N, C-alpha and C. Protein backbone atom coordinates (compact mmCIF):
# COMPACT_ATOMS: atom_id res chain seq x y z
N MET A 1 126.20 29.53 -173.14
CA MET A 1 125.74 28.15 -173.28
C MET A 1 126.53 27.36 -174.19
N ALA A 2 126.96 27.93 -175.34
CA ALA A 2 127.76 27.22 -176.26
C ALA A 2 129.00 26.73 -175.74
N GLN A 3 129.73 27.46 -174.87
CA GLN A 3 130.98 27.10 -174.25
C GLN A 3 130.77 25.91 -173.42
N TRP A 4 129.71 25.93 -172.57
CA TRP A 4 129.43 24.89 -171.60
C TRP A 4 129.06 23.58 -172.45
N LEU A 5 128.41 23.63 -173.50
CA LEU A 5 128.09 22.60 -174.27
C LEU A 5 129.41 21.95 -174.93
N ARG A 6 130.42 22.80 -175.20
CA ARG A 6 131.60 22.33 -175.90
C ARG A 6 132.26 21.64 -174.80
N ILE A 7 132.21 22.01 -173.51
CA ILE A 7 132.97 21.24 -172.35
C ILE A 7 132.35 19.96 -172.24
N VAL A 8 130.87 19.72 -172.18
CA VAL A 8 130.21 18.62 -172.10
C VAL A 8 130.50 17.66 -173.33
N ALA A 9 130.53 18.21 -174.46
CA ALA A 9 130.84 17.42 -175.68
C ALA A 9 132.25 16.83 -175.49
N ALA A 10 133.13 17.62 -174.98
CA ALA A 10 134.57 17.14 -174.81
C ALA A 10 134.68 15.89 -173.89
N ASP A 11 133.72 15.78 -172.95
CA ASP A 11 133.74 14.56 -172.18
C ASP A 11 133.44 13.31 -172.99
N TYR A 12 132.51 13.61 -173.89
CA TYR A 12 132.06 12.35 -174.72
C TYR A 12 133.22 12.02 -175.82
N VAL A 13 133.92 13.07 -176.19
CA VAL A 13 135.02 12.88 -177.18
C VAL A 13 136.08 12.07 -176.34
N SER A 14 136.42 12.50 -175.17
CA SER A 14 137.33 11.82 -174.29
C SER A 14 136.92 10.35 -174.10
N ALA A 15 135.72 10.10 -173.83
CA ALA A 15 135.26 8.74 -173.61
C ALA A 15 135.39 7.91 -174.84
N PHE A 16 135.17 8.43 -176.07
CA PHE A 16 135.39 7.70 -177.30
C PHE A 16 136.90 7.48 -177.49
N ASP A 17 137.70 8.49 -177.23
CA ASP A 17 139.24 8.32 -177.31
C ASP A 17 139.74 7.30 -176.32
N ALA A 18 139.13 7.28 -175.14
CA ALA A 18 139.58 6.30 -174.11
C ALA A 18 139.23 4.80 -174.54
N VAL A 19 138.04 4.61 -175.19
CA VAL A 19 137.78 3.29 -175.45
C VAL A 19 138.56 2.79 -176.78
N GLU A 20 138.89 3.78 -177.62
CA GLU A 20 139.73 3.36 -178.68
C GLU A 20 141.17 3.15 -178.39
N GLU A 21 141.64 3.78 -177.33
CA GLU A 21 142.96 3.67 -176.84
C GLU A 21 143.04 2.18 -176.07
N ARG A 22 141.99 1.92 -175.26
CA ARG A 22 141.99 0.80 -174.43
C ARG A 22 141.84 -0.46 -175.32
N TRP A 23 141.13 -0.45 -176.36
CA TRP A 23 140.94 -1.60 -177.27
C TRP A 23 141.24 -1.25 -178.71
N PRO A 24 142.48 -0.92 -179.01
CA PRO A 24 142.79 -0.45 -180.34
C PRO A 24 142.51 -1.32 -181.53
N ASP A 25 142.51 -2.68 -181.21
CA ASP A 25 142.26 -3.54 -182.30
C ASP A 25 140.96 -4.33 -182.15
N ASP A 26 140.07 -3.84 -181.33
CA ASP A 26 138.83 -4.57 -181.00
C ASP A 26 137.64 -3.51 -181.10
N PRO A 27 137.13 -3.26 -182.31
CA PRO A 27 136.07 -2.31 -182.38
C PRO A 27 134.80 -2.69 -181.77
N ARG A 28 134.48 -4.02 -181.60
CA ARG A 28 133.28 -4.39 -180.85
C ARG A 28 133.47 -4.06 -179.31
N ALA A 29 134.68 -4.18 -178.81
CA ALA A 29 134.91 -3.84 -177.34
C ALA A 29 134.84 -2.26 -177.42
N GLN A 30 135.25 -1.50 -178.36
CA GLN A 30 135.11 -0.12 -178.28
C GLN A 30 133.57 0.29 -178.18
N ILE A 31 132.77 -0.34 -179.01
CA ILE A 31 131.34 -0.07 -179.05
C ILE A 31 130.71 -0.39 -177.62
N LYS A 32 131.13 -1.52 -177.14
CA LYS A 32 130.71 -1.94 -175.79
C LYS A 32 131.16 -0.96 -174.75
N GLY A 33 132.39 -0.44 -174.97
CA GLY A 33 132.94 0.63 -174.02
C GLY A 33 132.13 1.89 -174.04
N VAL A 34 131.75 2.36 -175.30
CA VAL A 34 130.94 3.58 -175.31
C VAL A 34 129.71 3.31 -174.65
N ALA A 35 129.06 2.19 -174.81
CA ALA A 35 127.74 1.93 -174.12
C ALA A 35 127.89 1.89 -172.56
N ALA A 36 129.04 1.36 -172.24
CA ALA A 36 129.36 1.32 -170.79
C ALA A 36 129.53 2.75 -170.29
N PHE A 37 130.15 3.59 -170.93
CA PHE A 37 130.30 4.97 -170.53
C PHE A 37 128.91 5.64 -170.36
N VAL A 38 128.09 5.47 -171.30
CA VAL A 38 126.78 6.03 -171.26
C VAL A 38 125.95 5.36 -170.11
N ALA A 39 126.07 4.09 -170.05
CA ALA A 39 125.25 3.40 -168.90
C ALA A 39 125.82 3.94 -167.48
N ASP A 40 127.16 4.15 -167.36
CA ASP A 40 127.72 4.62 -166.16
C ASP A 40 127.21 6.07 -165.72
N THR A 41 126.78 6.86 -166.79
CA THR A 41 126.40 8.28 -166.64
C THR A 41 125.03 8.43 -166.37
N LEU A 42 124.15 7.28 -166.51
CA LEU A 42 122.65 7.44 -166.42
C LEU A 42 122.20 7.82 -165.02
N SER A 43 122.76 7.43 -164.01
CA SER A 43 122.37 7.72 -162.67
C SER A 43 122.56 9.38 -162.47
N THR A 44 123.44 10.02 -163.04
CA THR A 44 123.61 11.36 -162.83
C THR A 44 122.59 12.08 -163.78
N LEU A 45 122.22 11.48 -164.98
CA LEU A 45 121.19 12.14 -165.88
C LEU A 45 119.98 12.14 -165.20
N SER A 46 119.61 11.17 -164.38
CA SER A 46 118.30 11.06 -163.80
C SER A 46 117.97 12.34 -162.99
N HIS A 47 119.00 12.92 -162.53
CA HIS A 47 118.86 14.14 -161.61
C HIS A 47 118.45 15.40 -162.40
N ARG A 48 119.25 15.58 -163.55
CA ARG A 48 119.20 16.82 -164.27
C ARG A 48 118.74 16.54 -165.82
N GLY A 49 118.92 15.36 -166.27
CA GLY A 49 118.65 15.03 -167.60
C GLY A 49 119.91 15.25 -168.51
N CYS A 50 119.80 14.81 -169.82
CA CYS A 50 120.76 14.89 -170.79
C CYS A 50 120.94 16.38 -171.18
N PRO A 51 122.15 16.97 -171.03
CA PRO A 51 122.34 18.30 -171.27
C PRO A 51 122.07 18.66 -172.76
N PHE A 52 122.25 17.86 -173.60
CA PHE A 52 121.99 18.08 -175.05
C PHE A 52 120.49 18.20 -175.24
N VAL A 53 119.74 17.22 -174.85
CA VAL A 53 118.32 17.15 -175.01
C VAL A 53 117.74 18.45 -174.29
N ASN A 54 118.03 18.65 -173.05
CA ASN A 54 117.61 19.87 -172.41
C ASN A 54 117.74 21.10 -173.08
N SER A 55 119.02 21.30 -173.63
CA SER A 55 119.37 22.44 -174.42
C SER A 55 118.65 22.64 -175.66
N LEU A 56 118.54 21.48 -176.40
CA LEU A 56 117.74 21.52 -177.62
C LEU A 56 116.30 22.05 -177.44
N ALA A 57 115.72 21.62 -176.36
CA ALA A 57 114.36 22.23 -176.02
C ALA A 57 114.21 23.76 -176.16
N GLU A 58 115.39 24.41 -175.69
CA GLU A 58 115.48 25.76 -175.60
C GLU A 58 116.08 26.42 -176.85
N LEU A 59 116.42 25.66 -177.85
CA LEU A 59 117.24 26.20 -179.03
C LEU A 59 116.54 25.76 -180.33
N PRO A 60 115.30 26.19 -180.60
CA PRO A 60 114.73 25.70 -181.81
C PRO A 60 115.40 26.34 -183.08
N ASP A 61 116.09 27.48 -182.89
CA ASP A 61 116.73 28.12 -184.12
C ASP A 61 118.08 27.44 -184.38
N ARG A 62 118.15 26.80 -185.49
CA ARG A 62 119.45 26.09 -185.87
C ARG A 62 120.58 26.98 -186.07
N THR A 63 120.45 28.25 -186.22
CA THR A 63 121.52 29.14 -186.36
C THR A 63 122.19 29.57 -185.04
N ARG A 64 121.68 29.33 -183.97
CA ARG A 64 122.14 29.68 -182.65
C ARG A 64 123.56 28.88 -182.45
N PRO A 65 124.52 29.53 -182.01
CA PRO A 65 125.81 28.80 -181.72
C PRO A 65 125.73 27.52 -180.88
N ALA A 66 124.94 27.65 -179.83
CA ALA A 66 124.81 26.51 -178.97
C ALA A 66 124.17 25.28 -179.60
N ARG A 67 123.14 25.59 -180.39
CA ARG A 67 122.50 24.55 -181.25
C ARG A 67 123.50 23.97 -182.25
N GLN A 68 124.33 24.74 -182.86
CA GLN A 68 125.35 24.30 -183.77
C GLN A 68 126.33 23.33 -183.07
N VAL A 69 126.69 23.69 -181.96
CA VAL A 69 127.59 22.86 -180.96
C VAL A 69 126.98 21.50 -180.86
N ILE A 70 125.76 21.44 -180.52
CA ILE A 70 125.08 20.18 -180.29
C ILE A 70 125.04 19.34 -181.63
N GLU A 71 124.66 20.07 -182.75
CA GLU A 71 124.61 19.27 -184.03
C GLU A 71 125.99 18.77 -184.45
N ALA A 72 126.94 19.59 -184.29
CA ALA A 72 128.36 19.08 -184.67
C ALA A 72 128.67 17.99 -183.78
N HIS A 73 128.42 18.05 -182.49
CA HIS A 73 128.85 17.02 -181.41
C HIS A 73 128.06 15.63 -181.92
N LYS A 74 126.84 15.77 -182.22
CA LYS A 74 126.00 14.52 -182.57
C LYS A 74 126.39 13.99 -183.83
N ALA A 75 126.80 14.82 -184.81
CA ALA A 75 127.37 14.28 -186.18
C ALA A 75 128.63 13.67 -185.94
N ARG A 76 129.53 14.23 -185.14
CA ARG A 76 130.79 13.62 -184.95
C ARG A 76 130.70 12.30 -184.22
N GLN A 77 129.79 12.27 -183.21
CA GLN A 77 129.60 11.05 -182.50
C GLN A 77 129.06 9.92 -183.38
N LEU A 78 128.12 10.29 -184.26
CA LEU A 78 127.67 9.22 -185.35
C LEU A 78 128.78 8.73 -186.21
N ARG A 79 129.49 9.70 -186.73
CA ARG A 79 130.61 9.32 -187.54
C ARG A 79 131.59 8.34 -186.85
N ARG A 80 131.89 8.57 -185.56
CA ARG A 80 132.79 7.67 -184.86
C ARG A 80 132.13 6.30 -184.60
N LEU A 81 130.86 6.27 -184.29
CA LEU A 81 130.11 5.08 -184.19
C LEU A 81 130.04 4.26 -185.41
N THR A 82 129.90 5.04 -186.58
CA THR A 82 129.91 4.38 -187.85
C THR A 82 131.24 3.76 -188.15
N ALA A 83 132.39 4.54 -187.83
CA ALA A 83 133.72 3.94 -188.08
C ALA A 83 133.95 2.74 -187.30
N MET A 84 133.43 2.69 -186.01
CA MET A 84 133.60 1.47 -185.14
C MET A 84 132.77 0.34 -185.74
N CYS A 85 131.60 0.63 -186.18
CA CYS A 85 130.76 -0.39 -186.72
C CYS A 85 131.39 -0.95 -188.14
N THR A 86 132.01 -0.09 -188.84
CA THR A 86 132.64 -0.52 -190.15
C THR A 86 133.93 -1.40 -189.73
N ALA A 87 134.68 -0.87 -188.84
CA ALA A 87 135.84 -1.68 -188.41
C ALA A 87 135.46 -3.02 -187.85
N ALA A 88 134.29 -3.10 -187.13
CA ALA A 88 133.80 -4.43 -186.59
C ALA A 88 133.23 -5.28 -187.66
N GLU A 89 133.17 -4.79 -188.88
CA GLU A 89 132.75 -5.50 -190.05
C GLU A 89 131.20 -5.91 -189.84
N LEU A 90 130.47 -5.00 -189.09
CA LEU A 90 129.08 -5.21 -188.92
C LEU A 90 128.34 -5.14 -190.23
N ILE A 91 127.24 -5.90 -190.36
CA ILE A 91 126.35 -5.81 -191.53
C ILE A 91 125.63 -4.46 -191.45
N ASP A 92 125.67 -3.66 -192.40
CA ASP A 92 125.02 -2.27 -192.53
C ASP A 92 125.55 -1.44 -191.29
N PRO A 93 126.80 -1.07 -191.46
CA PRO A 93 127.44 -0.27 -190.28
C PRO A 93 126.71 1.03 -190.20
N GLU A 94 126.23 1.63 -191.15
CA GLU A 94 125.55 2.93 -190.87
C GLU A 94 124.31 2.70 -190.20
N GLY A 95 123.51 1.67 -190.58
CA GLY A 95 122.27 1.31 -189.76
C GLY A 95 122.57 0.86 -188.32
N ALA A 96 123.61 0.16 -188.16
CA ALA A 96 124.05 -0.23 -186.74
C ALA A 96 124.34 0.98 -186.02
N ALA A 97 125.16 1.93 -186.54
CA ALA A 97 125.48 3.10 -185.84
C ALA A 97 124.30 3.94 -185.54
N ALA A 98 123.36 4.12 -186.41
CA ALA A 98 122.01 4.80 -186.17
C ALA A 98 121.37 4.19 -185.00
N GLU A 99 121.25 2.77 -185.01
CA GLU A 99 120.51 2.04 -183.99
C GLU A 99 121.18 2.23 -182.66
N LEU A 100 122.48 2.26 -182.69
CA LEU A 100 123.30 2.46 -181.45
C LEU A 100 123.01 3.83 -180.86
N THR A 101 122.85 4.87 -181.76
CA THR A 101 122.55 6.22 -181.35
C THR A 101 121.20 6.19 -180.69
N PHE A 102 120.27 5.61 -181.35
CA PHE A 102 118.80 5.47 -180.78
C PHE A 102 118.88 4.93 -179.44
N ALA A 103 119.61 3.85 -179.23
CA ALA A 103 119.66 3.16 -177.98
C ALA A 103 120.27 4.12 -176.93
N LEU A 104 121.48 4.58 -177.26
CA LEU A 104 122.30 5.46 -176.31
C LEU A 104 121.52 6.67 -175.82
N GLU A 105 120.91 7.38 -176.86
CA GLU A 105 120.11 8.60 -176.61
C GLU A 105 118.85 8.22 -175.95
N GLY A 106 118.15 7.17 -176.32
CA GLY A 106 116.84 6.67 -175.80
C GLY A 106 117.04 6.43 -174.26
N ALA A 107 118.24 5.75 -173.95
CA ALA A 107 118.39 5.34 -172.63
C ALA A 107 118.63 6.59 -171.69
N GLN A 108 119.28 7.55 -172.30
CA GLN A 108 119.41 8.90 -171.57
C GLN A 108 118.13 9.61 -171.27
N VAL A 109 117.23 9.56 -172.26
CA VAL A 109 116.02 10.22 -171.99
C VAL A 109 115.11 9.45 -171.08
N SER A 110 115.23 8.05 -171.19
CA SER A 110 114.44 7.15 -170.20
C SER A 110 114.90 7.25 -168.84
N ALA A 111 116.27 7.52 -168.74
CA ALA A 111 116.83 7.67 -167.34
C ALA A 111 116.29 9.01 -166.73
N GLN A 112 116.17 9.94 -167.59
CA GLN A 112 115.69 11.31 -167.07
C GLN A 112 114.29 11.23 -166.77
N ASN A 113 113.43 10.56 -167.42
CA ASN A 113 111.96 10.56 -167.15
C ASN A 113 111.55 9.40 -166.27
N GLY A 114 112.50 8.53 -165.92
CA GLY A 114 112.25 7.41 -164.96
C GLY A 114 111.32 6.37 -165.56
N SER A 115 111.21 6.16 -166.80
CA SER A 115 110.22 5.24 -167.34
C SER A 115 110.70 3.87 -167.40
N VAL A 116 111.96 3.57 -167.28
CA VAL A 116 112.45 2.18 -167.37
C VAL A 116 113.37 1.73 -166.16
N ASP A 117 113.08 0.68 -165.54
CA ASP A 117 113.69 0.20 -164.48
C ASP A 117 115.04 -0.49 -165.00
N HIS A 118 116.19 -0.49 -164.23
CA HIS A 118 117.35 -1.26 -164.56
C HIS A 118 117.92 -0.80 -165.95
N ILE A 119 117.88 0.40 -166.25
CA ILE A 119 118.20 0.99 -167.56
C ILE A 119 119.63 0.63 -167.97
N ALA A 120 120.53 0.83 -167.13
CA ALA A 120 121.88 0.64 -167.41
C ALA A 120 122.16 -0.80 -167.96
N GLU A 121 121.61 -1.82 -167.24
CA GLU A 121 121.79 -3.18 -167.48
C GLU A 121 121.03 -3.52 -168.95
N ARG A 122 119.94 -2.81 -169.04
CA ARG A 122 119.11 -3.22 -170.24
C ARG A 122 119.87 -2.54 -171.49
N LEU A 123 120.40 -1.33 -171.39
CA LEU A 123 121.22 -0.80 -172.35
C LEU A 123 122.28 -1.71 -172.83
N THR A 124 123.16 -2.20 -171.87
CA THR A 124 124.26 -2.95 -172.24
C THR A 124 123.85 -4.23 -172.94
N THR A 125 122.81 -4.87 -172.33
CA THR A 125 122.19 -6.11 -172.96
C THR A 125 121.72 -5.75 -174.49
N PHE A 126 121.05 -4.70 -174.60
CA PHE A 126 120.60 -4.30 -175.93
C PHE A 126 121.69 -4.01 -176.93
N VAL A 127 122.77 -3.41 -176.43
CA VAL A 127 123.96 -3.20 -177.35
C VAL A 127 124.58 -4.53 -177.67
N GLU A 128 124.73 -5.35 -176.75
CA GLU A 128 125.20 -6.77 -177.12
C GLU A 128 124.40 -7.46 -178.08
N SER A 129 123.06 -7.37 -177.96
CA SER A 129 122.15 -7.90 -178.93
C SER A 129 122.30 -7.24 -180.33
N LEU A 130 122.43 -5.96 -180.38
CA LEU A 130 122.63 -5.29 -181.68
C LEU A 130 123.92 -5.81 -182.31
N LEU A 131 124.93 -5.83 -181.59
CA LEU A 131 126.09 -6.39 -182.21
C LEU A 131 126.03 -7.79 -182.71
N VAL A 132 125.30 -8.65 -182.06
CA VAL A 132 125.06 -9.95 -182.61
C VAL A 132 124.14 -9.82 -183.82
N TRP A 133 123.09 -9.04 -183.75
CA TRP A 133 122.26 -8.95 -184.88
C TRP A 133 122.92 -8.49 -186.14
N HIS A 134 123.78 -7.50 -186.03
CA HIS A 134 124.41 -6.86 -187.12
C HIS A 134 125.65 -7.62 -187.50
N GLY A 135 126.05 -8.57 -186.77
CA GLY A 135 127.27 -9.36 -186.90
C GLY A 135 126.95 -10.63 -187.56
N ALA A 136 125.63 -11.00 -187.81
CA ALA A 136 125.30 -12.19 -188.35
C ALA A 136 125.78 -12.28 -189.88
N LYS A 137 126.13 -13.47 -190.20
CA LYS A 137 126.55 -13.75 -191.58
C LYS A 137 125.42 -13.86 -192.46
N GLY A 138 125.46 -13.55 -193.72
CA GLY A 138 124.38 -13.72 -194.62
C GLY A 138 123.96 -12.40 -195.15
N SER A 139 123.18 -12.30 -196.17
CA SER A 139 122.84 -11.11 -196.79
C SER A 139 121.55 -10.59 -196.19
N PRO A 140 121.47 -9.24 -196.31
CA PRO A 140 120.27 -8.56 -195.67
C PRO A 140 119.01 -9.02 -196.40
N ASP A 141 117.90 -9.22 -195.71
CA ASP A 141 116.60 -9.56 -196.36
C ASP A 141 116.13 -8.36 -197.10
N PRO A 142 115.20 -8.56 -197.93
CA PRO A 142 114.60 -7.43 -198.84
C PRO A 142 114.17 -6.20 -197.93
N SER A 143 113.87 -6.37 -196.74
CA SER A 143 113.48 -5.22 -195.89
C SER A 143 114.67 -4.34 -195.49
N GLY A 144 115.85 -4.88 -195.73
CA GLY A 144 116.94 -4.14 -195.26
C GLY A 144 117.58 -4.66 -193.93
N SER A 145 116.82 -5.53 -193.27
CA SER A 145 117.29 -6.00 -191.93
C SER A 145 118.24 -7.07 -192.15
N PRO A 146 119.30 -7.24 -191.41
CA PRO A 146 120.21 -8.38 -191.58
C PRO A 146 119.60 -9.71 -191.29
N SER A 147 119.87 -10.80 -192.10
CA SER A 147 119.41 -11.99 -191.91
C SER A 147 120.15 -12.87 -190.93
N HIS A 148 119.52 -13.75 -190.20
CA HIS A 148 120.24 -14.53 -189.16
C HIS A 148 120.29 -15.88 -189.55
N HIS A 149 121.44 -16.51 -189.48
CA HIS A 149 121.68 -17.85 -189.80
C HIS A 149 122.35 -18.52 -188.52
N SER A 150 121.73 -19.56 -188.02
CA SER A 150 122.37 -20.15 -186.88
C SER A 150 123.20 -21.24 -187.37
């Protein structure tokens, strides 16, 4: 199982590499490209589900090699999203990367369980909104959310 998960994780690494190569000087386009990659895979996930989520359900022991592959993959993916958010000069790049992760992974689970219609379109719209939200000028409000100034 661990080897199969490494192969699946490599597809995501390749997708991140491809968006970074396609838009080397445009981190916002890179973020949108990652979202587009996930959106494009949602129709295949609806049949079998997210391989990482499905595998986690069977791997409660964090010492199992397959579980470690998943955790390393997810940590690497979050680091790359954080780097993209930092390069895009987003307000709170760590928070933005976490929110992107929630959106991307949530979309995959929602595609699997069929709970949301037009999920690919809604995911890309959400990511666009997130970039606007975190790209707003101004200081964060006391709650830690970025403030918006029109």
